[in-house]
Amino acid sequence: MGSKYRFIPELSAEELAAKQLEGLKWTVGHTAANSPFYAARYKDKGITPGDINSLEDLTKLPFTTADDLKDGYPLPLLSVPEERVVRIHGSSGTTGKRKILSYTQKDIDTWKNMFARCYELAGLNTLDRVQVCVGYGLWTAGAGFQLGSEHFGAMTLPVGPGMLEIQLQILVDLEATCLCSTASMALLLGEEAQKAGLTDKLKLKRCIFGGEAHTPKMRKQFEESLGLESSHDISGMTELYGPGAGIECLAHEGIHYWADEYIAEIIDPVTLQPVPDGEIGELVVTSLNKEASPLIRYRTRDLTRIIPGQCSCGCSMPRHDIISGRSDDMFIFRGVNIYPGQIASVLESFPKASSEYQIYLERREGLDHMTVRVERKPGVSEANDSNLAKAICEEIRKYILVRSNVEILKPGLLPRSFAKTKRVFDERG
């Protein structure tokens, strides 16, 4: 019997483990011989490539962080001669310096194949028309979505971000069947399509989205406004090629990740120790055949958990949960550690509140104050605002154990984003 997939290998747990060990040994040997950065790290730890004989030996290796990429600017982690580098991509850094990653042609080929798997698992075929409305250039998203779509064999409509009138025109006139965007962009396009009375003219069936944490409410909102059959959260980051590292299948039981291309660990972000499968922690990734900028135990800061067992869709690739937030998104308010996703979870239980919210933090007379601004759902009367605000306040106090002020706003008042929506505004200095 042949595989039911064109791009996804069907591997047993034993075959996958053997492939991971082979890739891990190669990566450690490759970086020890070709990367001054990693070679120095191994020397400090007293590690040689010969010390890696099992997957359990992975924990002997030191972590790599975003600071390491910043310190190695402009071409950090480079592990091949420069003449083999065919492309770079970058993402924003915390101090103005970007995280720049290098790619060989083999790296590009690996990435496009990983991305083609994503389209396949989301149920697309070569007659689909894929509208790409994420950023091109230094950012990996646009190049990745296009590269994967072309390799998969679908018609690609490379529009890029923003340009709402053009987006809607292409969606209608070229009858796009799959939208590739951030969740924020999908929400914005859905709202604009409804305003323009174009919803019934759309031929969209699916949306593949990523790049930011989202809530079920936000997802349901853009699925309904765009008339989708399904939407699929895609994972990835610039450091690990780009988007396309994994995706939700049609069963929506977690994100299948390409474990033959990288190892995923989940650690406690404070103790740095592994957590059991099923527990939420920080995702750490190790690439298995990345040539130009390999990753050894790279701390992504993304929060998720490994989902044990088999998916009902039949794909043998393992799964992790959707990204619930970032360990570095946490803010401290009156001594309590809070993630924006916790506020979003509270809002989920209020059908009269929309998915759009912002958190404002300020300090007055030496005391921290938090205001949560939330849009009411379209069609909900503002006469309910005070009761809704009070109920949300009480739920935040009960769930997160802090007092906050809640303001209810009319629909569409909060700014919309073509990329990732900024949720937290900290004015405490």
Protein backbone atom coordinates (compact mmCIF):
# COMPACT_ATOMS: atom_id res chain seq x y z
CA MET A 1 0.00 0.00 0.00
CA GLY A 2 1.27 3.46 -0.89
CA SER A 3 1.08 6.45 1.44
CA LYS A 4 -2.15 8.44 1.44
CA TYR A 5 -0.02 11.61 1.45
CA ARG A 6 2.16 13.14 -1.24
CA PHE A 7 4.44 15.04 1.13
CA ILE A 8 4.00 13.58 4.64
CA PRO A 9 5.97 10.44 5.49
CA GLU A 10 4.12 7.82 7.51
CA LEU A 11 6.58 6.71 10.17
CA SER A 12 6.19 4.38 13.15
CA ALA A 13 7.33 5.65 16.55
CA GLU A 14 10.48 3.53 16.21
CA GLU A 15 11.26 4.81 12.71
CA LEU A 16 10.71 8.40 13.83
CA ALA A 17 12.99 7.98 16.87
CA ALA A 18 15.72 6.46 14.67
CA LYS A 19 15.42 9.37 12.22
CA GLN A 20 15.59 11.89 15.09
CA LEU A 21 18.71 10.27 16.57
CA GLU A 22 20.41 10.23 13.17
CA GLY A 23 19.54 13.92 12.67
CA LEU A 24 20.63 14.88 16.18
CA LYS A 25 24.01 13.18 15.76
CA TRP A 26 24.51 14.87 12.39
CA THR A 27 23.54 18.31 13.77
CA VAL A 28 25.91 18.09 16.74
CA GLY A 29 28.75 16.88 14.50
CA HIS A 30 28.03 19.55 11.89
CA THR A 31 27.93 22.39 14.40
CA ALA A 32 30.98 21.15 16.34
CA ALA A 33 33.02 21.19 13.13
CA ASN A 34 31.60 24.32 11.44
CA SER A 35 30.13 26.72 14.01
CA PRO A 36 32.46 28.77 16.23
CA PHE A 37 29.46 29.59 18.45
CA TYR A 38 28.38 26.00 19.07
CA ALA A 39 31.95 24.65 19.20
CA ALA A 40 32.69 27.08 22.06
CA ARG A 41 29.49 26.01 23.84
CA TYR A 42 30.39 22.33 23.60
CA LYS A 43 33.91 23.02 24.86
CA ASP A 44 32.53 24.90 27.89
CA LYS A 45 30.26 21.94 28.70
CA GLY A 46 32.94 19.34 27.97
CA ILE A 47 30.77 17.78 25.26
CA THR A 48 31.98 16.02 22.10
CA PRO A 49 29.83 14.67 19.24
CA GLY A 50 30.67 11.16 20.42
CA ASP A 51 28.74 11.83 23.65
CA ILE A 52 25.43 11.83 21.75
CA ASN A 53 24.35 8.18 21.52
CA SER A 54 20.64 8.34 22.35
CA LEU A 55 17.77 10.84 22.25
CA GLU A 56 18.05 11.10 26.05
CA ASP A 57 21.51 12.65 25.52
CA LEU A 58 19.80 15.72 24.07
CA THR A 59 19.47 17.10 27.63
CA LYS A 60 23.28 17.21 27.93
CA LEU A 61 23.33 19.99 25.34
CA PRO A 62 23.06 23.67 26.38
CA PHE A 63 20.06 25.84 25.50
CA THR A 64 20.23 28.49 22.77
CA THR A 65 18.28 31.74 23.20
CA ALA A 66 17.18 34.83 21.28
CA ASP A 67 19.97 36.70 23.10
CA ASP A 68 22.51 34.40 21.44
CA LEU A 69 21.12 35.42 18.04
CA LYS A 70 21.27 39.08 19.04
CA ASP A 71 24.86 38.76 20.30
CA GLY A 72 25.91 37.04 17.06
CA TYR A 73 24.36 39.73 14.82
CA PRO A 74 24.40 40.10 11.82
CA LEU A 75 24.85 36.41 10.85
CA PRO A 76 24.44 34.40 14.07
CA LEU A 77 24.80 30.61 14.31
CA LEU A 78 26.32 30.49 10.80
CA SER A 79 27.57 26.94 10.25
CA VAL A 80 28.40 26.88 6.52
CA PRO A 81 30.80 28.90 4.34
CA GLU A 82 29.15 32.15 3.27
CA GLU A 83 29.21 31.15 -0.41
CA ARG A 84 26.62 28.45 0.40
CA VAL A 85 24.12 30.97 1.85
CA VAL A 86 21.42 31.75 -0.72
CA ARG A 87 19.00 33.77 1.44
CA ILE A 88 18.46 35.41 4.81
CA HIS A 89 15.29 36.18 6.72
CA GLY A 90 14.88 38.22 9.87
CA SER A 91 12.46 39.05 12.63
CA SER A 92 12.37 41.92 15.07
CA GLY A 93 14.60 41.80 18.12
CA THR A 94 13.98 43.27 21.55
CA THR A 95 16.78 45.86 21.36
CA GLY A 96 16.45 47.00 17.75
CA LYS A 97 18.77 44.34 16.34
CA ARG A 98 16.94 41.79 14.24
CA LYS A 99 17.28 38.05 14.57
CA ILE A 100 18.83 37.17 11.21
CA LEU A 101 18.82 33.56 10.01
CA SER A 102 20.73 32.19 7.02
CA TYR A 103 19.55 29.54 4.53
CA THR A 104 21.32 27.21 2.13
CA GLN A 105 19.46 25.90 -0.92
CA LYS A 106 18.91 22.61 0.95
CA ASP A 107 17.35 24.59 3.84
CA ILE A 108 14.96 26.30 1.39
CA ASP A 109 14.04 22.92 -0.13
CA THR A 110 13.39 21.44 3.33
CA TRP A 111 11.20 24.42 4.24
CA LYS A 112 9.08 24.29 1.07
CA ASN A 113 8.46 20.58 1.61
CA MET A 114 7.43 21.16 5.25
CA PHE A 115 5.04 23.86 4.08
CA ALA A 116 3.56 21.70 1.33
CA ARG A 117 2.73 19.17 4.07
CA CYS A 118 0.72 21.90 5.81
CA TYR A 119 -1.46 22.54 2.75
CA GLU A 120 -1.94 18.81 2.34
CA LEU A 121 -3.00 18.24 5.96
CA ALA A 122 -5.42 21.19 5.77
CA GLY A 123 -7.24 19.37 2.97
CA LEU A 124 -6.22 21.49 -0.05
CA ASN A 125 -5.69 20.18 -3.57
CA THR A 126 -4.01 21.55 -6.71
CA LEU A 127 -7.24 23.24 -7.86
CA ASP A 128 -7.26 25.47 -4.78
CA ARG A 129 -6.42 29.16 -5.09
CA VAL A 130 -4.30 30.38 -2.20
CA GLN A 131 -4.41 34.09 -1.32
CA VAL A 132 -1.31 35.07 0.66
CA CYS A 133 -1.89 38.24 2.66
CA VAL A 134 1.03 38.27 5.08
CA GLY A 135 4.28 40.22 4.96
CA TYR A 136 6.96 39.61 2.36
CA GLY A 137 10.61 40.65 2.43
CA LEU A 138 12.63 40.07 5.59
CA TRP A 139 9.68 38.44 7.36
CA THR A 140 9.45 34.70 6.59
CA ALA A 141 5.66 34.51 6.31
CA GLY A 142 4.95 35.68 2.75
CA ALA A 143 7.91 33.87 1.20
CA GLY A 144 7.06 30.69 3.13
CA PHE A 145 3.35 30.58 2.28
CA GLN A 146 4.13 31.23 -1.39
CA LEU A 147 7.04 28.77 -1.58
CA GLY A 148 4.94 26.01 -0.02
CA SER A 149 1.87 26.70 -2.14
CA GLU A 150 3.85 26.61 -5.38
CA HIS A 151 5.64 23.41 -4.33
CA PHE A 152 2.27 21.88 -3.37
CA GLY A 153 0.91 22.86 -6.79
CA ALA A 154 -1.93 25.26 -5.95
CA MET A 155 -2.51 28.59 -7.72
CA THR A 156 -0.85 31.24 -5.57
CA LEU A 157 -2.19 34.80 -5.27
CA PRO A 158 0.68 36.76 -3.59
CA VAL A 159 -1.11 39.92 -2.42
CA GLY A 160 0.82 40.69 0.78
CA PRO A 161 -0.55 42.48 3.86
CA GLY A 162 -2.91 45.45 4.10
CA MET A 163 -4.59 46.90 0.98
CA LEU A 164 -8.09 45.88 2.02
CA GLU A 165 -9.80 46.98 -1.21
CA ILE A 166 -7.35 44.97 -3.31
CA GLN A 167 -7.64 41.98 -0.96
CA LEU A 168 -11.41 41.93 -1.36
CA GLN A 169 -11.21 42.46 -5.12
CA ILE A 170 -8.81 39.52 -5.55
CA LEU A 171 -10.86 37.35 -3.16
CA VAL A 172 -13.99 37.95 -5.25
CA ASP A 173 -12.63 38.19 -8.81
CA LEU A 174 -10.04 35.39 -8.61
CA GLU A 175 -12.28 33.26 -6.38
CA ALA A 176 -9.64 32.45 -3.77
CA THR A 177 -10.50 29.29 -1.85
CA CYS A 178 -7.84 29.50 0.87
CA LEU A 179 -6.81 32.59 2.82
CA CYS A 180 -3.33 32.70 4.43
CA SER A 181 -3.07 35.39 7.09
CA THR A 182 -2.76 36.23 10.76
CA ALA A 183 -5.89 35.73 12.86
CA SER A 184 -6.13 39.53 13.18
CA MET A 185 -6.05 39.99 9.40
CA ALA A 186 -8.72 37.30 8.89
CA LEU A 187 -10.94 39.06 11.44
CA LEU A 188 -10.42 42.41 9.71
CA LEU A 189 -11.11 41.00 6.22
CA GLY A 190 -14.26 39.30 7.48
CA GLU A 191 -15.55 42.55 8.98
CA GLU A 192 -14.73 44.49 5.78
CA ALA A 193 -16.39 41.85 3.57
CA GLN A 194 -19.56 42.11 5.66
CA LYS A 195 -19.54 45.91 5.53
CA ALA A 196 -19.13 45.82 1.73
CA GLY A 197 -21.89 43.20 1.34
CA LEU A 198 -19.47 40.77 -0.31
CA THR A 199 -19.80 37.79 2.03
CA ASP A 200 -22.03 35.78 -0.31
CA LYS A 201 -19.63 36.42 -3.24
CA LEU A 202 -16.64 34.82 -1.50
CA LYS A 203 -15.56 31.32 -2.54
CA LEU A 204 -13.33 30.84 0.51
CA LYS A 205 -13.38 27.39 2.10
CA ARG A 206 -10.38 27.54 4.39
CA CYS A 207 -8.14 29.93 6.26
CA ILE A 208 -4.61 28.99 7.31
CA PHE A 209 -3.55 31.43 9.99
CA GLY A 210 -0.75 31.89 12.50
CA GLY A 211 1.75 34.32 13.93
CA GLU A 212 -0.14 35.17 17.13
CA ALA A 213 -2.15 33.63 19.94
CA HIS A 214 -5.90 33.67 19.32
CA THR A 215 -9.07 32.75 21.18
CA PRO A 216 -11.85 30.36 20.07
CA LYS A 217 -14.19 33.37 20.02
CA MET A 218 -11.93 35.29 17.63
CA ARG A 219 -11.66 32.22 15.40
CA LYS A 220 -15.42 31.60 15.32
CA GLN A 221 -15.93 35.27 14.45
CA PHE A 222 -13.76 35.22 11.32
CA GLU A 223 -14.92 31.72 10.29
CA GLU A 224 -18.52 32.98 10.26
CA SER A 225 -17.81 36.34 8.60
CA LEU A 226 -15.74 34.73 5.82
CA GLY A 227 -18.10 31.75 5.38
CA LEU A 228 -15.36 29.18 5.97
CA GLU A 229 -15.69 25.40 6.13
CA SER A 230 -12.66 25.23 8.41
CA SER A 231 -9.65 27.17 9.64
CA HIS A 232 -6.22 25.81 10.52
CA ASP A 233 -3.67 27.19 12.96
CA ILE A 234 -0.14 26.90 11.54
CA SER A 235 3.00 26.93 13.66
CA GLY A 236 6.54 28.09 13.03
CA MET A 237 9.06 30.85 13.62
CA THR A 238 11.81 32.57 11.68
CA GLU A 239 14.47 30.74 13.67
CA LEU A 240 13.03 27.36 12.56
CA TYR A 241 12.84 28.12 8.81
CA GLY A 242 9.60 30.13 9.22
CA PRO A 243 5.90 29.21 9.33
CA GLY A 244 5.15 25.66 8.22
CA ALA A 245 6.64 23.77 11.18
CA GLY A 246 3.25 22.14 11.82
CA ILE A 247 -0.49 22.62 11.36
CA GLU A 248 -3.93 21.58 12.59
CA CYS A 249 -5.48 18.80 10.51
CA LEU A 250 -9.17 18.56 9.61
CA ALA A 251 -9.85 16.77 12.93
CA HIS A 252 -8.66 19.84 14.89
CA GLU A 253 -7.14 17.76 17.68
CA GLY A 254 -3.91 19.75 17.97
CA ILE A 255 -1.04 20.77 15.70
CA HIS A 256 0.81 17.97 13.92
CA TYR A 257 4.49 18.94 13.87
CA TRP A 258 7.18 17.60 11.56
CA ALA A 259 9.14 15.57 14.08
CA ASP A 260 11.35 14.13 11.35
CA GLU A 261 12.72 17.67 10.82
CA TYR A 262 13.02 18.87 14.43
CA ILE A 263 12.72 17.64 18.00
CA ALA A 264 10.20 19.40 20.26
CA GLU A 265 10.72 19.48 24.03
CA ILE A 266 8.45 21.13 26.60
CA ILE A 267 10.23 22.58 29.64
CA ASP A 268 9.27 24.53 32.74
CA PRO A 269 10.39 28.10 31.81
CA VAL A 270 11.56 28.72 35.39
CA THR A 271 13.32 25.47 36.37
CA LEU A 272 14.25 24.60 32.73
CA GLN A 273 13.40 20.97 33.50
CA PRO A 274 11.25 18.83 31.14
CA VAL A 275 7.55 18.62 31.98
CA PRO A 276 5.42 15.48 31.41
CA ASP A 277 3.42 15.12 28.20
CA GLY A 278 0.10 16.93 28.57
CA GLU A 279 1.47 19.70 30.82
CA ILE A 280 1.89 23.24 29.53
CA GLY A 281 5.41 24.63 29.33
CA GLU A 282 7.81 26.38 26.98
CA LEU A 283 8.51 24.85 23.57
CA VAL A 284 12.20 24.11 22.89
CA VAL A 285 13.26 23.00 19.40
CA THR A 286 16.32 21.28 17.94
CA SER A 287 16.69 21.12 14.15
CA LEU A 288 17.73 17.82 12.57
CA ASN A 289 19.11 18.77 9.15
CA LYS A 290 19.28 22.56 9.08
CA GLU A 291 22.60 23.53 7.51
CA ALA A 292 23.16 27.30 7.62
CA SER A 293 21.68 28.26 11.03
CA PRO A 294 21.07 25.07 13.02
CA LEU A 295 19.17 25.24 16.30
CA ILE A 296 20.27 23.32 19.38
CA ARG A 297 17.65 23.35 22.15
CA TYR A 298 16.37 26.77 21.10
CA ARG A 299 14.03 28.35 23.65
CA THR A 300 11.10 29.63 21.58
CA ARG A 301 9.26 31.25 24.55
CA ASP A 302 6.03 29.80 23.08
CA LEU A 303 3.73 28.11 25.60
CA THR A 304 2.11 24.81 24.63
CA ARG A 305 1.93 21.13 25.60
CA ILE A 306 2.59 17.79 23.92
CA ILE A 307 -0.67 15.95 23.16
CA PRO A 308 -0.14 12.22 23.78
CA GLY A 309 -1.72 9.48 21.69
CA GLN A 310 -2.83 9.20 18.08
CA CYS A 311 -4.95 11.74 16.21
CA SER A 312 -8.27 10.52 14.79
CA CYS A 313 -7.22 11.84 11.35
CA GLY A 314 -4.73 8.99 11.02
CA CYS A 315 -1.62 11.12 10.47
CA SER A 316 1.25 9.51 12.39
CA MET A 317 3.10 12.78 13.05
CA PRO A 318 3.00 13.78 16.75
CA ARG A 319 1.03 16.77 18.03
CA HIS A 320 1.35 19.74 20.31
CA ASP A 321 -1.45 22.06 21.39
CA ILE A 322 -2.03 25.47 19.81
CA ILE A 323 0.27 28.18 21.14
CA SER A 324 -1.50 29.72 24.15
CA GLY A 325 0.91 32.64 24.54
CA ARG A 326 4.54 33.44 25.19
CA SER A 327 6.47 33.06 28.42
CA ASP A 328 7.90 36.55 27.83
CA ASP A 329 4.41 38.09 27.29
CA MET A 330 3.78 37.76 31.01
CA PHE A 331 3.36 40.97 32.99
CA ILE A 332 3.32 41.44 36.75
CA PHE A 333 0.39 43.36 38.20
CA ARG A 334 0.24 43.93 41.96
CA GLY A 335 2.50 40.95 42.52
CA VAL A 336 0.49 38.57 40.30
CA ASN A 337 1.97 37.02 37.15
CA ILE A 338 -0.56 37.46 34.32
CA TYR A 339 -0.60 36.33 30.69
CA PRO A 340 -2.86 38.17 28.18
CA GLY A 341 -4.36 34.78 27.31
CA GLN A 342 -5.82 34.56 30.81
CA ILE A 343 -7.82 37.75 30.20
CA ALA A 344 -8.90 36.38 26.82
CA SER A 345 -10.06 33.16 28.50
CA VAL A 346 -12.27 35.16 30.88
CA LEU A 347 -13.84 37.04 27.96
CA GLU A 348 -14.62 33.72 26.22
CA SER A 349 -17.44 33.09 28.71
CA PHE A 350 -19.30 36.30 27.84
CA PRO A 351 -21.37 35.94 24.64
CA LYS A 352 -22.15 39.69 24.56
CA ALA A 353 -18.43 40.57 24.44
CA SER A 354 -16.47 40.31 21.18
CA SER A 355 -13.00 38.76 20.85
CA GLU A 356 -11.35 42.20 20.66
CA TYR A 357 -9.75 43.56 23.82
CA GLN A 358 -6.78 45.58 25.07
CA ILE A 359 -5.13 45.77 28.48
CA TYR A 360 -3.85 49.14 29.76
CA LEU A 361 -1.52 49.29 32.74
CA GLU A 362 -0.68 52.56 34.50
CA ARG A 363 0.66 53.75 37.86
CA ARG A 364 -1.18 56.46 39.80
CA GLU A 365 -0.04 57.71 43.22
CA GLY A 366 2.28 54.74 43.56
CA LEU A 367 -0.41 52.13 42.84
CA ASP A 368 -0.77 50.00 39.70
CA HIS A 369 -4.09 50.15 37.84
CA MET A 370 -5.33 47.84 35.08
CA THR A 371 -8.07 48.73 32.59
CA VAL A 372 -9.43 46.10 30.22
CA ARG A 373 -11.16 47.59 27.18
CA VAL A 374 -13.55 45.20 25.44
CA GLU A 375 -15.81 45.66 22.42
CA ARG A 376 -19.39 44.54 22.73
CA LYS A 377 -20.67 42.17 20.04
CA PRO A 378 -22.43 43.79 17.05
CA GLY A 379 -26.17 43.97 17.71
CA VAL A 380 -25.78 44.06 21.51
CA SER A 381 -27.38 47.11 23.12
CA GLU A 382 -25.13 49.55 24.98
CA ALA A 383 -27.78 49.60 27.71
CA ASN A 384 -26.16 46.38 28.96
CA ASP A 385 -22.64 47.90 29.15
CA SER A 386 -22.49 48.60 32.90
CA ASN A 387 -23.79 45.13 33.83
CA LEU A 388 -21.43 43.48 31.34
CA ALA A 389 -18.45 45.47 32.65
CA LYS A 390 -19.28 44.58 36.23
CA ALA A 391 -19.68 40.88 35.41
CA ILE A 392 -16.33 40.77 33.56
CA CYS A 393 -14.65 42.59 36.49
CA GLU A 394 -15.96 40.00 38.91
CA GLU A 395 -14.84 37.11 36.73
CA ILE A 396 -11.31 38.57 36.34
CA ARG A 397 -11.13 38.96 40.13
CA LYS A 398 -12.33 35.39 40.65
CA TYR A 399 -10.17 33.81 37.95
CA ILE A 400 -6.96 35.89 38.07
CA LEU A 401 -7.23 37.26 41.64
CA VAL A 402 -6.72 40.95 40.75
CA ARG A 403 -9.01 43.97 40.66
CA SER A 404 -9.40 45.69 37.31
CA ASN A 405 -11.49 48.34 35.62
CA VAL A 406 -13.44 47.21 32.55
CA GLU A 407 -14.63 49.53 29.79
CA ILE A 408 -17.13 48.32 27.19
CA LEU A 409 -16.68 49.88 23.75
CA LYS A 410 -18.84 49.86 20.65
CA PRO A 411 -17.94 47.35 17.89
CA GLY A 412 -14.98 48.35 15.70
CA LEU A 413 -13.59 51.00 18.07
CA LEU A 414 -10.35 49.21 18.93
CA PRO A 415 -7.65 49.40 16.23
CA ARG A 416 -7.43 46.47 13.82
CA SER A 417 -4.14 45.03 12.59
CA PHE A 418 -2.89 43.50 9.35
CA ALA A 419 -0.32 41.56 11.37
CA LYS A 420 -0.26 40.76 15.09
CA THR A 421 -2.62 42.70 17.32
CA LYS A 422 -0.96 44.44 20.29
CA ARG A 423 -2.91 43.54 23.42
CA VAL A 424 -0.93 45.01 26.33
CA PHE A 425 -0.03 48.69 26.78
CA ASP A 426 2.14 49.15 29.85
CA GLU A 427 2.49 52.83 30.78
CA ARG A 428 3.94 52.22 34.25
CA GLY A 429 7.44 53.35 33.25
